[in-house]
Amino acid sequence: MPKQNADDEGYQRMMCPAEAGKAQCSIKPHTMDRSIQLPLVDPEPAQWAR
């Protein structure tokens, strides 16, 4: 999730979707008590992605 618009050099800061309130993540326990309708992010990469 973008935190701000890109600067003159094209650099753009991003925000964690769980911190933005758009998902739940087990790494950030305070996000787990949010709405059950929010997607649960799997922070561990899949075996094939390693």
PDB file of N, CA and C in Angstrom:
ATOM      1  N   MET A   1       0.836  -1.159   0.000  1.00  0.00           N
ATOM      2  CA  MET A   1       0.000   0.000   0.000  1.00  0.00           C
ATOM      3  C   MET A   1       0.894   1.240   0.000  1.00  0.00           C
ATOM      4  N   PRO A   2       0.679   2.140  -0.925  1.00  0.00           N
ATOM      5  CA  PRO A   2       1.479   3.360  -0.958  1.00  0.00           C
ATOM      6  C   PRO A   2       1.202   4.219   0.267  1.00  0.00           C
ATOM      7  N   LYS A   3       2.264   4.784   0.823  1.00  0.00           N
ATOM      8  CA  LYS A   3       2.143   5.680   1.962  1.00  0.00           C
ATOM      9  C   LYS A   3       2.045   7.122   1.499  1.00  0.00           C
ATOM     10  N   GLN A   4       2.629   7.391   0.367  1.00  0.00           N
ATOM     11  CA  GLN A   4       2.644   8.747  -0.173  1.00  0.00           C
ATOM     12  C   GLN A   4       2.858   8.663  -1.676  1.00  0.00           C
ATOM     13  N   ASN A   5       2.726   9.780  -2.358  1.00  0.00           N
ATOM     14  CA  ASN A   5       2.984   9.811  -3.800  1.00  0.00           C
ATOM     15  C   ASN A   5       4.480   9.714  -4.068  1.00  0.00           C
ATOM     16  N   ALA A   6       4.818   9.275  -5.250  1.00  0.00           N
ATOM     17  CA  ALA A   6       6.231   9.163  -5.626  1.00  0.00           C
ATOM     18  C   ALA A   6       6.873  10.542  -5.663  1.00  0.00           C
ATOM     19  N   ASP A   7       8.161  10.587  -5.261  1.00  0.00           N
ATOM     20  CA  ASP A   7       8.880  11.854  -5.317  1.00  0.00           C
ATOM     21  C   ASP A   7       9.425  12.088  -6.730  1.00  0.00           C
ATOM     22  N   ASP A   8      10.234  13.110  -6.898  1.00  0.00           N
ATOM     23  CA  ASP A   8      10.763  13.475  -8.225  1.00  0.00           C
ATOM     24  C   ASP A   8      11.601  12.367  -8.857  1.00  0.00           C
ATOM     25  N   GLU A   9      12.225  11.531  -8.019  1.00  0.00           N
ATOM     26  CA  GLU A   9      13.074  10.453  -8.524  1.00  0.00           C
ATOM     27  C   GLU A   9      12.304   9.139  -8.679  1.00  0.00           C
ATOM     28  N   GLY A  10      11.016   9.154  -8.398  1.00  0.00           N
ATOM     29  CA  GLY A  10      10.197   7.955  -8.546  1.00  0.00           C
ATOM     30  C   GLY A  10      10.143   7.076  -7.311  1.00  0.00           C
ATOM     31  N   TYR A  11      10.809   7.479  -6.219  1.00  0.00           N
ATOM     32  CA  TYR A  11      10.821   6.711  -4.991  1.00  0.00           C
ATOM     33  C   TYR A  11       9.463   6.837  -4.292  1.00  0.00           C
ATOM     34  N   GLN A  12       8.906   5.711  -3.858  1.00  0.00           N
ATOM     35  CA  GLN A  12       7.606   5.730  -3.199  1.00  0.00           C
ATOM     36  C   GLN A  12       7.650   4.846  -1.960  1.00  0.00           C
ATOM     37  N   ARG A  13       7.295   5.392  -0.817  1.00  0.00           N
ATOM     38  CA  ARG A  13       7.265   4.630   0.423  1.00  0.00           C
ATOM     39  C   ARG A  13       6.004   3.766   0.455  1.00  0.00           C
ATOM     40  N   MET A  14       6.150   2.571   1.017  1.00  0.00           N
ATOM     41  CA  MET A  14       5.037   1.629   1.089  1.00  0.00           C
ATOM     42  C   MET A  14       4.717   1.320   2.548  1.00  0.00           C
ATOM     43  N   MET A  15       3.473   0.883   2.791  1.00  0.00           N
ATOM     44  CA  MET A  15       3.022   0.546   4.132  1.00  0.00           C
ATOM     45  C   MET A  15       2.546  -0.903   4.156  1.00  0.00           C
ATOM     46  N   CYS A  16       2.778  -1.564   5.248  1.00  0.00           N
ATOM     47  CA  CYS A  16       2.317  -2.928   5.463  1.00  0.00           C
ATOM     48  C   CYS A  16       0.785  -2.959   5.407  1.00  0.00           C
ATOM     49  N   PRO A  17       0.182  -3.875   4.637  1.00  0.00           N
ATOM     50  CA  PRO A  17      -1.285  -3.944   4.555  1.00  0.00           C
ATOM     51  C   PRO A  17      -1.946  -4.211   5.911  1.00  0.00           C
ATOM     52  N   ALA A  18      -1.291  -4.976   6.776  1.00  0.00           N
ATOM     53  CA  ALA A  18      -1.864  -5.238   8.107  1.00  0.00           C
ATOM     54  C   ALA A  18      -1.900  -3.969   8.942  1.00  0.00           C
ATOM     55  N   GLU A  19      -0.845  -3.166   8.876  1.00  0.00           N
ATOM     56  CA  GLU A  19      -0.816  -1.906   9.614  1.00  0.00           C
ATOM     57  C   GLU A  19      -1.824  -0.904   9.053  1.00  0.00           C
ATOM     58  N   ALA A  20      -2.127  -1.006   7.779  1.00  0.00           N
ATOM     59  CA  ALA A  20      -3.087  -0.111   7.145  1.00  0.00           C
ATOM     60  C   ALA A  20      -4.535  -0.529   7.422  1.00  0.00           C
ATOM     61  N   GLY A  21      -4.720  -1.682   8.084  1.00  0.00           N
ATOM     62  CA  GLY A  21      -6.069  -2.145   8.401  1.00  0.00           C
ATOM     63  C   GLY A  21      -6.734  -2.898   7.270  1.00  0.00           C
ATOM     64  N   LYS A  22      -5.957  -3.363   6.295  1.00  0.00           N
ATOM     65  CA  LYS A  22      -6.510  -4.054   5.128  1.00  0.00           C
ATOM     66  C   LYS A  22      -6.351  -5.564   5.190  1.00  0.00           C
ATOM     67  N   ALA A  23      -5.625  -6.080   6.211  1.00  0.00           N
ATOM     68  CA  ALA A  23      -5.385  -7.516   6.330  1.00  0.00           C
ATOM     69  C   ALA A  23      -5.047  -7.853   7.775  1.00  0.00           C
ATOM     70  N   GLN A  24      -4.970  -9.162   8.048  1.00  0.00           N
ATOM     71  CA  GLN A  24      -4.515  -9.660   9.337  1.00  0.00           C
ATOM     72  C   GLN A  24      -3.194 -10.386   9.110  1.00  0.00           C
ATOM     73  N   CYS A  25      -2.298 -10.344  10.106  1.00  0.00           N
ATOM     74  CA  CYS A  25      -0.998 -10.984   9.961  1.00  0.00           C
ATOM     75  C   CYS A  25      -0.565 -11.551  11.305  1.00  0.00           C
ATOM     76  N   SER A  26      -0.120 -12.807  11.316  1.00  0.00           N
ATOM     77  CA  SER A  26       0.289 -13.442  12.566  1.00  0.00           C
ATOM     78  C   SER A  26       1.572 -12.838  13.144  1.00  0.00           C
ATOM     79  N   ILE A  27       2.360 -12.165  12.334  1.00  0.00           N
ATOM     80  CA  ILE A  27       3.561 -11.498  12.834  1.00  0.00           C
ATOM     81  C   ILE A  27       3.184 -10.285  13.682  1.00  0.00           C
ATOM     82  N   LYS A  28       2.045  -9.702  13.391  1.00  0.00           N
ATOM     83  CA  LYS A  28       1.566  -8.526  14.118  1.00  0.00           C
ATOM     84  C   LYS A  28       0.281  -8.912  14.853  1.00  0.00           C
ATOM     85  N   PRO A  29       0.399  -9.502  16.060  1.00  0.00           N
ATOM     86  CA  PRO A  29      -0.765 -10.029  16.786  1.00  0.00           C
ATOM     87  C   PRO A  29      -1.883  -9.012  17.005  1.00  0.00           C
ATOM     88  N   HIS A  30      -1.556  -7.734  17.109  1.00  0.00           N
ATOM     89  CA  HIS A  30      -2.613  -6.737  17.329  1.00  0.00           C
ATOM     90  C   HIS A  30      -3.553  -6.618  16.126  1.00  0.00           C
ATOM     91  N   THR A  31      -3.181  -7.168  14.985  1.00  0.00           N
ATOM     92  CA  THR A  31      -4.059  -7.124  13.817  1.00  0.00           C
ATOM     93  C   THR A  31      -4.997  -8.328  13.758  1.00  0.00           C
ATOM     94  N   MET A  32      -4.752  -9.348  14.589  1.00  0.00           N
ATOM     95  CA  MET A  32      -5.531 -10.580  14.525  1.00  0.00           C
ATOM     96  C   MET A  32      -6.930 -10.453  15.110  1.00  0.00           C
ATOM     97  N   ASP A  33      -7.189  -9.429  15.892  1.00  0.00           N
ATOM     98  CA  ASP A  33      -8.520  -9.272  16.478  1.00  0.00           C
ATOM     99  C   ASP A  33      -9.439  -8.390  15.625  1.00  0.00           C
ATOM    100  N   ARG A  34      -9.015  -8.124  14.417  1.00  0.00           N
ATOM    101  CA  ARG A  34      -9.835  -7.328  13.496  1.00  0.00           C
ATOM    102  C   ARG A  34     -10.912  -8.191  12.861  1.00  0.00           C
ATOM    103  N   SER A  35     -11.697  -7.605  12.047  1.00  0.00           N
ATOM    104  CA  SER A  35     -12.810  -8.295  11.390  1.00  0.00           C
ATOM    105  C   SER A  35     -12.391  -9.609  10.747  1.00  0.00           C
ATOM    106  N   ILE A  36     -13.200 -10.614  10.931  1.00  0.00           N
ATOM    107  CA  ILE A  36     -12.928 -11.934  10.346  1.00  0.00           C
ATOM    108  C   ILE A  36     -13.011 -11.874   8.817  1.00  0.00           C
ATOM    109  N   GLN A  37     -13.586 -10.828   8.283  1.00  0.00           N
ATOM    110  CA  GLN A  37     -13.713 -10.695   6.831  1.00  0.00           C
ATOM    111  C   GLN A  37     -12.422 -10.206   6.169  1.00  0.00           C
ATOM    112  N   LEU A  38     -11.468  -9.742   6.953  1.00  0.00           N
ATOM    113  CA  LEU A  38     -10.191  -9.306   6.379  1.00  0.00           C
ATOM    114  C   LEU A  38      -9.348 -10.521   6.033  1.00  0.00           C
ATOM    115  N   PRO A  39      -8.610 -10.469   4.923  1.00  0.00           N
ATOM    116  CA  PRO A  39      -7.760 -11.614   4.551  1.00  0.00           C
ATOM    117  C   PRO A  39      -6.629 -11.807   5.555  1.00  0.00           C
ATOM    118  N   LEU A  40      -6.232 -13.054   5.740  1.00  0.00           N
ATOM    119  CA  LEU A  40      -5.110 -13.401   6.599  1.00  0.00           C
ATOM    120  C   LEU A  40      -3.869 -13.560   5.719  1.00  0.00           C
ATOM    121  N   VAL A  41      -2.845 -12.763   5.987  1.00  0.00           N
ATOM    122  CA  VAL A  41      -1.611 -12.797   5.214  1.00  0.00           C
ATOM    123  C   VAL A  41      -0.724 -13.911   5.748  1.00  0.00           C
ATOM    124  N   ASP A  42      -0.149 -14.711   4.864  1.00  0.00           N
ATOM    125  CA  ASP A  42       0.801 -15.750   5.244  1.00  0.00           C
ATOM    126  C   ASP A  42       2.199 -15.174   5.069  1.00  0.00           C
ATOM    127  N   PRO A  43       2.885 -14.820   6.162  1.00  0.00           N
ATOM    128  CA  PRO A  43       4.186 -14.178   6.034  1.00  0.00           C
ATOM    129  C   PRO A  43       5.312 -15.103   5.619  1.00  0.00           C
ATOM    130  N   GLU A  44       5.108 -16.416   5.696  1.00  0.00           N
ATOM    131  CA  GLU A  44       6.133 -17.363   5.308  1.00  0.00           C
ATOM    132  C   GLU A  44       6.067 -17.623   3.810  1.00  0.00           C
ATOM    133  N   PRO A  45       7.192 -17.551   3.108  1.00  0.00           N
ATOM    134  CA  PRO A  45       7.168 -17.828   1.663  1.00  0.00           C
ATOM    135  C   PRO A  45       6.840 -19.298   1.396  1.00  0.00           C
ATOM    136  N   ALA A  46       6.205 -19.550   0.299  1.00  0.00           N
ATOM    137  CA  ALA A  46       5.886 -20.910  -0.087  1.00  0.00           C
ATOM    138  C   ALA A  46       7.169 -21.693  -0.361  1.00  0.00           C
ATOM    139  N   GLN A  47       7.134 -22.988  -0.192  1.00  0.00           N
ATOM    140  CA  GLN A  47       8.310 -23.834  -0.387  1.00  0.00           C
ATOM    141  C   GLN A  47       8.891 -23.665  -1.796  1.00  0.00           C
ATOM    142  N   TRP A  48       8.041 -23.530  -2.803  1.00  0.00           N
ATOM    143  CA  TRP A  48       8.509 -23.404  -4.181  1.00  0.00           C
ATOM    144  C   TRP A  48       9.147 -22.031  -4.450  1.00  0.00           C
ATOM    145  N   ALA A  49       8.900 -21.049  -3.596  1.00  0.00           N
ATOM    146  CA  ALA A  49       9.420 -19.705  -3.817  1.00  0.00           C
ATOM    147  C   ALA A  49      10.823 -19.514  -3.244  1.00  0.00           C
ATOM    148  N   ARG A  50      11.337 -20.514  -2.560  1.00  0.00           N
ATOM    149  CA  ARG A  50      12.662 -20.371  -1.924  1.00  0.00           C
ATOM    150  C   ARG A  50      13.776 -20.708  -2.861  1.00  0.00           C
TER     151      ARG A  50
END
